[in-house]
C-alpha cells in the first residue's frame, strides 16, 4: 500500500505535509514576525486563507495585538483591538472557535468586520491560541469565499491552532530569555564600570549609555544622598528631556522629591500624572 493511499485526496496529503512543516517550525529559532510569516504561508496549504491575523493578548493594555498578514509580509505595526469588540477577544475569552460564514450578513464585531470586508474577506474563522501553560491569543483566518470553513476544516483547524500556539510560546520564551540575558549583561557592564571608575564626570555618561540601550525613557537623573546635609545632589543624565528640567549639581531636600521618598522608604516608587512645576527627580 502506497503512502498516498492513506489519504482521501491529494488535498489531504498536502494538509498532512503542511502540519509536519508547522511542527518543524516549533524547534527553529525565529523571531515572532518571521514565525508568523512562515506559519501563514503553510496555513495556505491547509485551508482557504487569503488573510490571517495572529492576535496576542497584551495584559499591560488589556487589548489584543493583531499581527496582520495579507499574502506576503506582516503589517509593520501590530493593530490593537478591544477584547469585547473583536473576534480575537471573544475567542480568547471563551476559548472556543468562532466561524463567521458570511461577513455581509453578520452584525457582530462591526469595527473589525468592516475592516475585513474592505479587504474583500467574506468568511472568517478564529481559533484560540492556547497551550497547557497559558492563553496566548487567537488565530484568525479569512477567505474571499462565502462559507469557506466547513465541518472538515473545523476538525483539522483546532489541531493547527495547537501547533501554532506551541510555536508562538516557544518564540516568546526565547525572546524573554534573550531579553533577560541582555539585561544581565548590562548589569555586569555597569558593575564593572562602577568598580573601575570612581570619577562622576566619566561614570554618569557611561551609566546613561547603558540605560538608553535597555530602558525606553525621556528623562533620567542620579540623586546622591548627602547624609550630613540631609539633601540630595541631582545629576541629570543624557536623556531627551533633561535639558532645562534640572541644573547640574542641583541640591534639594530629601523630603521634597520622589527620589528622596524611595531612598527613605527603601523601595521603588512609580509616579504618574506629574503636574507642572512638580519636582521630578
C-alpha atoms as a PDB file:
ATOM      1  CA  UNK A   1       0.000   0.000   0.000  1.00  0.00           C
ATOM      2  CA  UNK A   2       1.451   3.374  -1.010  1.00  0.00           C
ATOM      3  CA  UNK A   3       1.882   6.294   1.412  1.00  0.00           C
ATOM      4  CA  UNK A   4      -0.595   8.387  -0.594  1.00  0.00           C
ATOM      5  CA  UNK A   5      -3.334   5.733  -0.324  1.00  0.00           C
ATOM      6  CA  UNK A   6      -3.792   6.527   3.372  1.00  0.00           C
ATOM      7  CA  UNK A   7      -5.328   9.866   2.345  1.00  0.00           C
ATOM      8  CA  UNK A   8      -8.669  10.523   0.683  1.00  0.00           C
ATOM      9  CA  UNK A   9      -7.257  13.050  -1.751  1.00  0.00           C
ATOM     10  CA  UNK A  10      -4.197  14.981  -2.814  1.00  0.00           C
ATOM     11  CA  UNK A  11      -5.551  17.895  -0.762  1.00  0.00           C
ATOM     12  CA  UNK A  12      -5.487  15.740   2.380  1.00  0.00           C
ATOM     13  CA  UNK A  13      -1.888  14.800   1.644  1.00  0.00           C
ATOM     14  CA  UNK A  14      -0.922  18.472   1.258  1.00  0.00           C
ATOM     15  CA  UNK A  15      -2.609  19.244   4.576  1.00  0.00           C
ATOM     16  CA  UNK A  16      -0.703  16.475   6.312  1.00  0.00           C
ATOM     17  CA  UNK A  17       2.592  17.716   4.864  1.00  0.00           C
ATOM     18  CA  UNK A  18       1.785  21.281   5.978  1.00  0.00           C
ATOM     19  CA  UNK A  19       1.109  20.053   9.519  1.00  0.00           C
ATOM     20  CA  UNK A  20       4.502  18.345   9.565  1.00  0.00           C
ATOM     21  CA  UNK A  21       6.126  21.576   8.391  1.00  0.00           C
ATOM     22  CA  UNK A  22       4.372  23.528  11.163  1.00  0.00           C
ATOM     23  CA  UNK A  23       5.574  21.019  13.738  1.00  0.00           C
ATOM     24  CA  UNK A  24       9.081  21.528  12.373  1.00  0.00           C
ATOM     25  CA  UNK A  25       8.781  25.294  12.916  1.00  0.00           C
ATOM     26  CA  UNK A  26       8.421  24.732  16.664  1.00  0.00           C
ATOM     27  CA  UNK A  27      12.069  23.731  17.013  1.00  0.00           C
ATOM     28  CA  UNK A  28      13.568  26.517  14.903  1.00  0.00           C
ATOM     29  CA  UNK A  29      14.834  29.761  16.384  1.00  0.00           C
ATOM     30  CA  UNK A  30      12.752  32.509  14.815  1.00  0.00           C
ATOM     31  CA  UNK A  31      11.546  35.918  15.887  1.00  0.00           C
ATOM     32  CA  UNK A  32       7.786  36.321  16.131  1.00  0.00           C
ATOM     33  CA  UNK A  33       7.406  38.279  12.844  1.00  0.00           C
ATOM     34  CA  UNK A  34       9.423  35.634  10.959  1.00  0.00           C
ATOM     35  CA  UNK A  35       7.461  32.863  12.632  1.00  0.00           C
ATOM     36  CA  UNK A  36       4.093  34.432  11.745  1.00  0.00           C
ATOM     37  CA  UNK A  37       5.046  34.811   8.079  1.00  0.00           C
ATOM     38  CA  UNK A  38       6.268  31.199   7.852  1.00  0.00           C
ATOM     39  CA  UNK A  39       3.131  29.915   9.574  1.00  0.00           C
ATOM     40  CA  UNK A  40       0.842  31.937   7.305  1.00  0.00           C
ATOM     41  CA  UNK A  41       2.492  30.503   4.185  1.00  0.00           C
ATOM     42  CA  UNK A  42       1.926  26.966   5.468  1.00  0.00           C
ATOM     43  CA  UNK A  43      -1.657  27.651   6.553  1.00  0.00           C
ATOM     44  CA  UNK A  44      -2.424  28.384   2.913  1.00  0.00           C
ATOM     45  CA  UNK A  45      -1.800  24.687   2.180  1.00  0.00           C
ATOM     46  CA  UNK A  46      -4.201  23.558   4.911  1.00  0.00           C
ATOM     47  CA  UNK A  47      -7.295  25.682   4.384  1.00  0.00           C
ATOM     48  CA  UNK A  48      -8.616  28.560   2.231  1.00  0.00           C
ATOM     49  CA  UNK A  49      -6.854  31.682   3.522  1.00  0.00           C
ATOM     50  CA  UNK A  50      -6.031  34.983   1.854  1.00  0.00           C
ATOM     51  CA  UNK A  51      -5.800  36.916   5.094  1.00  0.00           C
ATOM     52  CA  UNK A  52      -4.550  35.911   8.559  1.00  0.00           C
ATOM     53  CA  UNK A  53      -4.219  37.524  11.954  1.00  0.00           C
ATOM     54  CA  UNK A  54      -2.059  36.340  14.815  1.00  0.00           C
ATOM     55  CA  UNK A  55      -3.546  38.040  17.874  1.00  0.00           C
ATOM     56  CA  UNK A  56      -1.713  38.086  21.198  1.00  0.00           C
ATOM     57  CA  UNK A  57      -3.225  39.299  24.446  1.00  0.00           C
ATOM     58  CA  UNK A  58      -1.422  42.335  25.905  1.00  0.00           C
ATOM     59  CA  UNK A  59      -2.088  42.401  29.672  1.00  0.00           C
ATOM     60  CA  UNK A  60      -0.486  45.838  30.110  1.00  0.00           C
ATOM     61  CA  UNK A  61      -3.241  47.431  27.973  1.00  0.00           C
ATOM     62  CA  UNK A  62      -5.898  44.704  28.222  1.00  0.00           C
ATOM     63  CA  UNK A  63      -6.178  44.577  24.419  1.00  0.00           C
ATOM     64  CA  UNK A  64      -5.491  42.108  21.627  1.00  0.00           C
ATOM     65  CA  UNK A  65      -2.486  42.973  19.469  1.00  0.00           C
ATOM     66  CA  UNK A  66      -3.158  41.856  15.904  1.00  0.00           C
ATOM     67  CA  UNK A  67      -0.259  40.915  13.636  1.00  0.00           C
ATOM     68  CA  UNK A  68      -1.838  41.050  10.179  1.00  0.00           C
ATOM     69  CA  UNK A  69      -0.746  39.041   7.127  1.00  0.00           C
ATOM     70  CA  UNK A  70      -2.252  39.761   3.702  1.00  0.00           C
ATOM     71  CA  UNK A  71      -0.394  37.372   1.442  1.00  0.00           C
ATOM     72  CA  UNK A  72       3.234  38.471   1.627  1.00  0.00           C
ATOM     73  CA  UNK A  73       4.638  40.160   4.717  1.00  0.00           C
ATOM     74  CA  UNK A  74       3.212  41.231   8.051  1.00  0.00           C
ATOM     75  CA  UNK A  75       1.919  44.749   8.531  1.00  0.00           C
ATOM     76  CA  UNK A  76       4.831  46.765  10.014  1.00  0.00           C
ATOM     77  CA  UNK A  77       2.952  47.745  13.187  1.00  0.00           C
ATOM     78  CA  UNK A  78       0.512  45.469  15.071  1.00  0.00           C
ATOM     79  CA  UNK A  79      -3.056  46.767  15.293  1.00  0.00           C
ATOM     80  CA  UNK A  80      -4.927  46.848  18.601  1.00  0.00           C
ATOM     81  CA  UNK A  81      -8.457  45.596  19.229  1.00  0.00           C
ATOM     82  CA  UNK A  82     -10.641  45.776  22.330  1.00  0.00           C
ATOM     83  CA  UNK A  83     -11.407  42.442  23.981  1.00  0.00           C
ATOM     84  CA  UNK A  84     -15.176  42.915  23.859  1.00  0.00           C
ATOM     85  CA  UNK A  85     -15.362  44.248  20.284  1.00  0.00           C
ATOM     86  CA  UNK A  86     -13.276  41.780  18.297  1.00  0.00           C
ATOM     87  CA  UNK A  87     -13.492  38.126  17.211  1.00  0.00           C
ATOM     88  CA  UNK A  88      -9.980  37.583  18.626  1.00  0.00           C
ATOM     89  CA  UNK A  89     -11.010  38.960  22.022  1.00  0.00           C
ATOM     90  CA  UNK A  90     -14.186  36.858  22.106  1.00  0.00           C
ATOM     91  CA  UNK A  91     -12.274  33.669  21.256  1.00  0.00           C
ATOM     92  CA  UNK A  92      -9.524  34.457  23.775  1.00  0.00           C
ATOM     93  CA  UNK A  93     -12.156  34.934  26.489  1.00  0.00           C
ATOM     94  CA  UNK A  94     -14.402  31.965  25.646  1.00  0.00           C
ATOM     95  CA  UNK A  95     -11.704  29.543  24.457  1.00  0.00           C
ATOM     96  CA  UNK A  96     -13.725  28.129  21.573  1.00  0.00           C
ATOM     97  CA  UNK A  97     -13.630  28.594  17.787  1.00  0.00           C
ATOM     98  CA  UNK A  98     -15.770  31.271  16.142  1.00  0.00           C
ATOM     99  CA  UNK A  99     -16.833  30.898  12.500  1.00  0.00           C
ATOM    100  CA  UNK A 100     -18.431  33.785  10.617  1.00  0.00           C
ATOM    101  CA  UNK A 101     -19.681  32.260   7.360  1.00  0.00           C
ATOM    102  CA  UNK A 102     -20.770  35.482   5.625  1.00  0.00           C
ATOM    103  CA  UNK A 103     -19.450  38.787   6.924  1.00  0.00           C
ATOM    104  CA  UNK A 104     -22.013  40.774   4.932  1.00  0.00           C
ATOM    105  CA  UNK A 105     -24.869  39.338   6.989  1.00  0.00           C
ATOM    106  CA  UNK A 106     -23.119  39.295  10.398  1.00  0.00           C
ATOM    107  CA  UNK A 107     -23.708  42.306  12.640  1.00  0.00           C
ATOM    108  CA  UNK A 108     -21.261  41.415  15.442  1.00  0.00           C
ATOM    109  CA  UNK A 109     -17.808  42.956  15.920  1.00  0.00           C
ATOM    110  CA  UNK A 110     -18.576  45.620  13.324  1.00  0.00           C
ATOM    111  CA  UNK A 111     -15.317  47.654  13.523  1.00  0.00           C
ATOM    112  CA  UNK A 112     -13.206  44.571  12.856  1.00  0.00           C
ATOM    113  CA  UNK A 113     -15.612  43.058  10.321  1.00  0.00           C
ATOM    114  CA  UNK A 114     -15.837  46.297   8.348  1.00  0.00           C
ATOM    115  CA  UNK A 115     -12.045  46.284   8.079  1.00  0.00           C
ATOM    116  CA  UNK A 116     -12.123  42.683   6.824  1.00  0.00           C
ATOM    117  CA  UNK A 117     -14.873  43.435   4.319  1.00  0.00           C
ATOM    118  CA  UNK A 118     -12.821  46.326   2.936  1.00  0.00           C
ATOM    119  CA  UNK A 119     -10.118  43.742   2.215  1.00  0.00           C
ATOM    120  CA  UNK A 120     -12.585  41.597   0.288  1.00  0.00           C
ATOM    121  CA  UNK A 121     -12.904  38.933   3.005  1.00  0.00           C
ATOM    122  CA  UNK A 122     -16.279  37.150   3.023  1.00  0.00           C
ATOM    123  CA  UNK A 123     -15.828  34.456   5.711  1.00  0.00           C
ATOM    124  CA  UNK A 124     -13.643  34.410   8.790  1.00  0.00           C
ATOM    125  CA  UNK A 125     -12.625  31.715  11.269  1.00  0.00           C
ATOM    126  CA  UNK A 126     -10.988  32.476  14.621  1.00  0.00           C
ATOM    127  CA  UNK A 127      -9.427  29.863  16.901  1.00  0.00           C
ATOM    128  CA  UNK A 128      -7.861  30.103  20.376  1.00  0.00           C
ATOM    129  CA  UNK A 129      -4.079  30.022  20.664  1.00  0.00           C
ATOM    130  CA  UNK A 130      -3.693  28.223  23.984  1.00  0.00           C
ATOM    131  CA  UNK A 131      -1.059  25.941  25.480  1.00  0.00           C
ATOM    132  CA  UNK A 132      -1.069  23.920  28.695  1.00  0.00           C
ATOM    133  CA  UNK A 133       0.514  26.898  30.447  1.00  0.00           C
ATOM    134  CA  UNK A 134      -1.170  29.977  29.010  1.00  0.00           C
ATOM    135  CA  UNK A 135      -3.948  31.533  26.931  1.00  0.00           C
ATOM    136  CA  UNK A 136      -1.831  33.402  24.384  1.00  0.00           C
ATOM    137  CA  UNK A 137      -4.355  34.858  21.961  1.00  0.00           C
ATOM    138  CA  UNK A 138      -6.179  33.848  18.792  1.00  0.00           C
ATOM    139  CA  UNK A 139      -5.540  32.790  15.207  1.00  0.00           C
ATOM    140  CA  UNK A 140      -7.776  34.396  12.569  1.00  0.00           C
ATOM    141  CA  UNK A 141      -8.182  33.065   9.026  1.00  0.00           C
ATOM    142  CA  UNK A 142     -10.014  34.946   6.298  1.00  0.00           C
ATOM    143  CA  UNK A 143     -11.212  33.845   2.876  1.00  0.00           C
ATOM    144  CA  UNK A 144     -12.730  35.673  -0.073  1.00  0.00           C
ATOM    145  CA  UNK A 145     -15.209  32.766  -0.379  1.00  0.00           C
ATOM    146  CA  UNK A 146     -18.522  32.645   1.477  1.00  0.00           C
ATOM    147  CA  UNK A 147     -18.806  29.713   3.887  1.00  0.00           C
ATOM    148  CA  UNK A 148     -15.167  28.743   3.313  1.00  0.00           C
ATOM    149  CA  UNK A 149     -14.701  26.966   6.652  1.00  0.00           C
ATOM    150  CA  UNK A 150     -16.808  23.825   6.888  1.00  0.00           C
ATOM    151  CA  UNK A 151     -17.034  20.781   9.114  1.00  0.00           C
ATOM    152  CA  UNK A 152     -13.988  19.085   7.607  1.00  0.00           C
ATOM    153  CA  UNK A 153     -11.908  22.235   8.162  1.00  0.00           C
ATOM    154  CA  UNK A 154     -13.137  22.582  11.731  1.00  0.00           C
ATOM    155  CA  UNK A 155     -11.941  19.080  12.550  1.00  0.00           C
ATOM    156  CA  UNK A 156      -8.426  19.981  11.426  1.00  0.00           C
ATOM    157  CA  UNK A 157      -8.022  23.678  12.300  1.00  0.00           C
ATOM    158  CA  UNK A 158      -8.066  23.284  16.116  1.00  0.00           C
ATOM    159  CA  UNK A 159      -5.066  20.936  15.738  1.00  0.00           C
ATOM    160  CA  UNK A 160      -3.394  23.555  13.556  1.00  0.00           C
ATOM    161  CA  UNK A 161      -4.063  26.216  16.218  1.00  0.00           C
ATOM    162  CA  UNK A 162      -2.487  23.986  18.872  1.00  0.00           C
ATOM    163  CA  UNK A 163       0.698  23.692  16.817  1.00  0.00           C
ATOM    164  CA  UNK A 164       0.724  27.443  16.177  1.00  0.00           C
ATOM    165  CA  UNK A 165       0.251  28.139  19.903  1.00  0.00           C
ATOM    166  CA  UNK A 166       3.215  25.950  20.858  1.00  0.00           C
ATOM    167  CA  UNK A 167       5.387  27.608  18.205  1.00  0.00           C
ATOM    168  CA  UNK A 168       4.375  31.078  19.438  1.00  0.00           C
ATOM    169  CA  UNK A 169       5.004  30.126  23.075  1.00  0.00           C
ATOM    170  CA  UNK A 170       8.474  28.836  22.157  1.00  0.00           C
ATOM    171  CA  UNK A 171       9.277  32.062  20.297  1.00  0.00           C
ATOM    172  CA  UNK A 172       8.041  34.218  23.206  1.00  0.00           C
ATOM    173  CA  UNK A 173      10.126  32.161  25.643  1.00  0.00           C
ATOM    174  CA  UNK A 174      13.231  32.595  23.504  1.00  0.00           C
ATOM    175  CA  UNK A 175      12.632  36.351  23.282  1.00  0.00           C
ATOM    176  CA  UNK A 176      12.158  36.617  27.059  1.00  0.00           C
ATOM    177  CA  UNK A 177      15.344  34.627  27.710  1.00  0.00           C
ATOM    178  CA  UNK A 178      17.313  36.805  25.292  1.00  0.00           C
ATOM    179  CA  UNK A 179      15.990  39.992  26.921  1.00  0.00           C
ATOM    180  CA  UNK A 180      16.943  38.678  30.356  1.00  0.00           C
ATOM    181  CA  UNK A 181      20.403  37.761  29.067  1.00  0.00           C
ATOM    182  CA  UNK A 182      20.819  41.286  27.669  1.00  0.00           C
ATOM    183  CA  UNK A 183      19.729  42.849  30.973  1.00  0.00           C
ATOM    184  CA  UNK A 184      22.156  40.713  32.967  1.00  0.00           C
ATOM    185  CA  UNK A 185      24.942  41.600  30.560  1.00  0.00           C
ATOM    186  CA  UNK A 186      24.168  45.291  31.023  1.00  0.00           C
ATOM    187  CA  UNK A 187      24.230  44.934  34.819  1.00  0.00           C
ATOM    188  CA  UNK A 188      27.590  43.210  34.596  1.00  0.00           C
ATOM    189  CA  UNK A 189      28.956  46.013  32.420  1.00  0.00           C
ATOM    190  CA  UNK A 190      27.603  48.676  34.785  1.00  0.00           C
ATOM    191  CA  UNK A 191      29.115  46.898  37.769  1.00  0.00           C
ATOM    192  CA  UNK A 192      32.485  46.663  36.003  1.00  0.00           C
ATOM    193  CA  UNK A 193      32.380  50.377  35.206  1.00  0.00           C
ATOM    194  CA  UNK A 194      31.418  51.268  38.779  1.00  0.00           C
ATOM    195  CA  UNK A 195      34.315  49.269  40.192  1.00  0.00           C
ATOM    196  CA  UNK A 196      36.904  50.574  37.740  1.00  0.00           C
ATOM    197  CA  UNK A 197      35.899  54.234  37.586  1.00  0.00           C
ATOM    198  CA  UNK A 198      35.016  56.449  40.538  1.00  0.00           C
ATOM    199  CA  UNK A 199      35.059  59.802  38.707  1.00  0.00           C
ATOM    200  CA  UNK A 200      31.466  61.074  38.474  1.00  0.00           C
ATOM    201  CA  UNK A 201      32.151  63.091  35.318  1.00  0.00           C
ATOM    202  CA  UNK A 202      33.034  59.879  33.482  1.00  0.00           C
ATOM    203  CA  UNK A 203      30.787  57.475  35.373  1.00  0.00           C
ATOM    204  CA  UNK A 204      27.380  59.097  34.751  1.00  0.00           C
ATOM    205  CA  UNK A 205      27.694  59.292  30.934  1.00  0.00           C
ATOM    206  CA  UNK A 206      28.580  55.589  30.942  1.00  0.00           C
ATOM    207  CA  UNK A 207      25.514  54.752  33.074  1.00  0.00           C
ATOM    208  CA  UNK A 208      23.359  56.845  30.728  1.00  0.00           C
ATOM    209  CA  UNK A 209      24.653  54.901  27.715  1.00  0.00           C
ATOM    210  CA  UNK A 210      23.694  51.585  29.325  1.00  0.00           C
ATOM    211  CA  UNK A 211      20.230  52.858  30.238  1.00  0.00           C
ATOM    212  CA  UNK A 212      19.497  54.023  26.689  1.00  0.00           C
ATOM    213  CA  UNK A 213      20.297  50.536  25.421  1.00  0.00           C
ATOM    214  CA  UNK A 214      17.883  48.744  27.751  1.00  0.00           C
ATOM    215  CA  UNK A 215      15.181  51.140  29.014  1.00  0.00           C
ATOM    216  CA  UNK A 216      12.904  53.419  26.992  1.00  0.00           C
ATOM    217  CA  UNK A 217      12.832  56.782  28.761  1.00  0.00           C
ATOM    218  CA  UNK A 218      12.671  60.528  28.167  1.00  0.00           C
ATOM    219  CA  UNK A 219      14.215  61.741  31.427  1.00  0.00           C
ATOM    220  CA  UNK A 220      16.844  60.289  33.777  1.00  0.00           C
ATOM    221  CA  UNK A 221      18.935  61.558  36.660  1.00  0.00           C
ATOM    222  CA  UNK A 222      21.018  60.200  39.519  1.00  0.00           C
ATOM    223  CA  UNK A 223      20.450  61.513  43.065  1.00  0.00           C
ATOM    224  CA  UNK A 224      23.359  61.256  45.542  1.00  0.00           C
ATOM    225  CA  UNK A 225      22.437  61.441  49.234  1.00  0.00           C
ATOM    226  CA  UNK A 226      24.379  63.821  51.477  1.00  0.00           C
ATOM    227  CA  UNK A 227      23.761  62.451  54.971  1.00  0.00           C
ATOM    228  CA  UNK A 228      25.248  65.465  56.786  1.00  0.00           C
ATOM    229  CA  UNK A 229      23.068  67.977  54.950  1.00  0.00           C
ATOM    230  CA  UNK A 230      20.119  65.584  54.657  1.00  0.00           C
ATOM    231  CA  UNK A 231      19.781  66.555  50.996  1.00  0.00           C
ATOM    232  CA  UNK A 232      20.132  65.112  47.508  1.00  0.00           C
ATOM    233  CA  UNK A 233      22.596  66.233  44.864  1.00  0.00           C
ATOM    234  CA  UNK A 234      20.982  65.734  41.452  1.00  0.00           C
ATOM    235  CA  UNK A 235      22.983  64.824  38.360  1.00  0.00           C
ATOM    236  CA  UNK A 236      20.960  64.787  35.104  1.00  0.00           C
ATOM    237  CA  UNK A 237      21.894  62.029  32.680  1.00  0.00           C
ATOM    238  CA  UNK A 238      21.959  62.255  28.911  1.00  0.00           C
ATOM    239  CA  UNK A 239      18.219  61.949  28.124  1.00  0.00           C
ATOM    240  CA  UNK A 240      15.961  63.780  25.624  1.00  0.00           C
ATOM    241  CA  UNK A 241      14.021  65.861  28.194  1.00  0.00           C
ATOM    242  CA  UNK A 242      16.787  66.605  30.665  1.00  0.00           C
ATOM    243  CA  UNK A 243      17.687  69.989  29.256  1.00  0.00           C
ATOM    244  CA  UNK A 244      16.180  72.695  31.428  1.00  0.00           C
ATOM    245  CA  UNK A 245      14.440  70.361  33.893  1.00  0.00           C
ATOM    246  CA  UNK A 246      17.186  70.309  36.484  1.00  0.00           C
ATOM    247  CA  UNK A 247      20.535  72.076  36.636  1.00  0.00           C
ATOM    248  CA  UNK A 248      23.741  70.093  37.026  1.00  0.00           C
ATOM    249  CA  UNK A 249      24.716  69.604  40.682  1.00  0.00           C
ATOM    250  CA  UNK A 250      21.340  70.916  41.894  1.00  0.00           C
ATOM    251  CA  UNK A 251      20.639  70.230  45.564  1.00  0.00           C
ATOM    252  CA  UNK A 252      17.182  69.603  47.026  1.00  0.00           C
ATOM    253  CA  UNK A 253      15.849  68.468  50.421  1.00  0.00           C
ATOM    254  CA  UNK A 254      15.282  64.735  50.668  1.00  0.00           C
ATOM    255  CA  UNK A 255      11.629  65.077  51.633  1.00  0.00           C
ATOM    256  CA  UNK A 256      10.614  67.039  48.512  1.00  0.00           C
ATOM    257  CA  UNK A 257      11.293  64.527  45.727  1.00  0.00           C
ATOM    258  CA  UNK A 258      10.211  61.024  44.628  1.00  0.00           C
ATOM    259  CA  UNK A 259      13.910  60.052  44.746  1.00  0.00           C
ATOM    260  CA  UNK A 260      14.037  61.068  48.416  1.00  0.00           C
ATOM    261  CA  UNK A 261      10.883  59.096  49.156  1.00  0.00           C
ATOM    262  CA  UNK A 262      12.375  55.995  47.509  1.00  0.00           C
ATOM    263  CA  UNK A 263      15.586  56.450  49.492  1.00  0.00           C
ATOM    264  CA  UNK A 264      13.903  56.900  52.873  1.00  0.00           C
ATOM    265  CA  UNK A 265      11.395  54.063  52.403  1.00  0.00           C
ATOM    266  CA  UNK A 266      13.912  51.764  50.655  1.00  0.00           C
ATOM    267  CA  UNK A 267      11.553  50.777  47.848  1.00  0.00           C
ATOM    268  CA  UNK A 268      10.867  51.659  44.225  1.00  0.00           C
ATOM    269  CA  UNK A 269       8.362  54.455  43.590  1.00  0.00           C
ATOM    270  CA  UNK A 270       6.228  54.914  40.473  1.00  0.00           C
ATOM    271  CA  UNK A 271       4.618  58.274  39.739  1.00  0.00           C
ATOM    272  CA  UNK A 272       2.054  59.048  37.047  1.00  0.00           C
ATOM    273  CA  UNK A 273       0.331  62.266  36.057  1.00  0.00           C
ATOM    274  CA  UNK A 274       3.194  64.532  37.202  1.00  0.00           C
ATOM    275  CA  UNK A 275       1.988  68.103  37.480  1.00  0.00           C
ATOM    276  CA  UNK A 276       3.679  71.181  36.004  1.00  0.00           C
ATOM    277  CA  UNK A 277       6.446  72.527  38.280  1.00  0.00           C
ATOM    278  CA  UNK A 278       6.377  69.414  40.426  1.00  0.00           C
ATOM    279  CA  UNK A 279       9.842  68.183  41.363  1.00  0.00           C
ATOM    280  CA  UNK A 280      10.660  65.208  39.179  1.00  0.00           C
ATOM    281  CA  UNK A 281      13.976  63.738  40.418  1.00  0.00           C
END
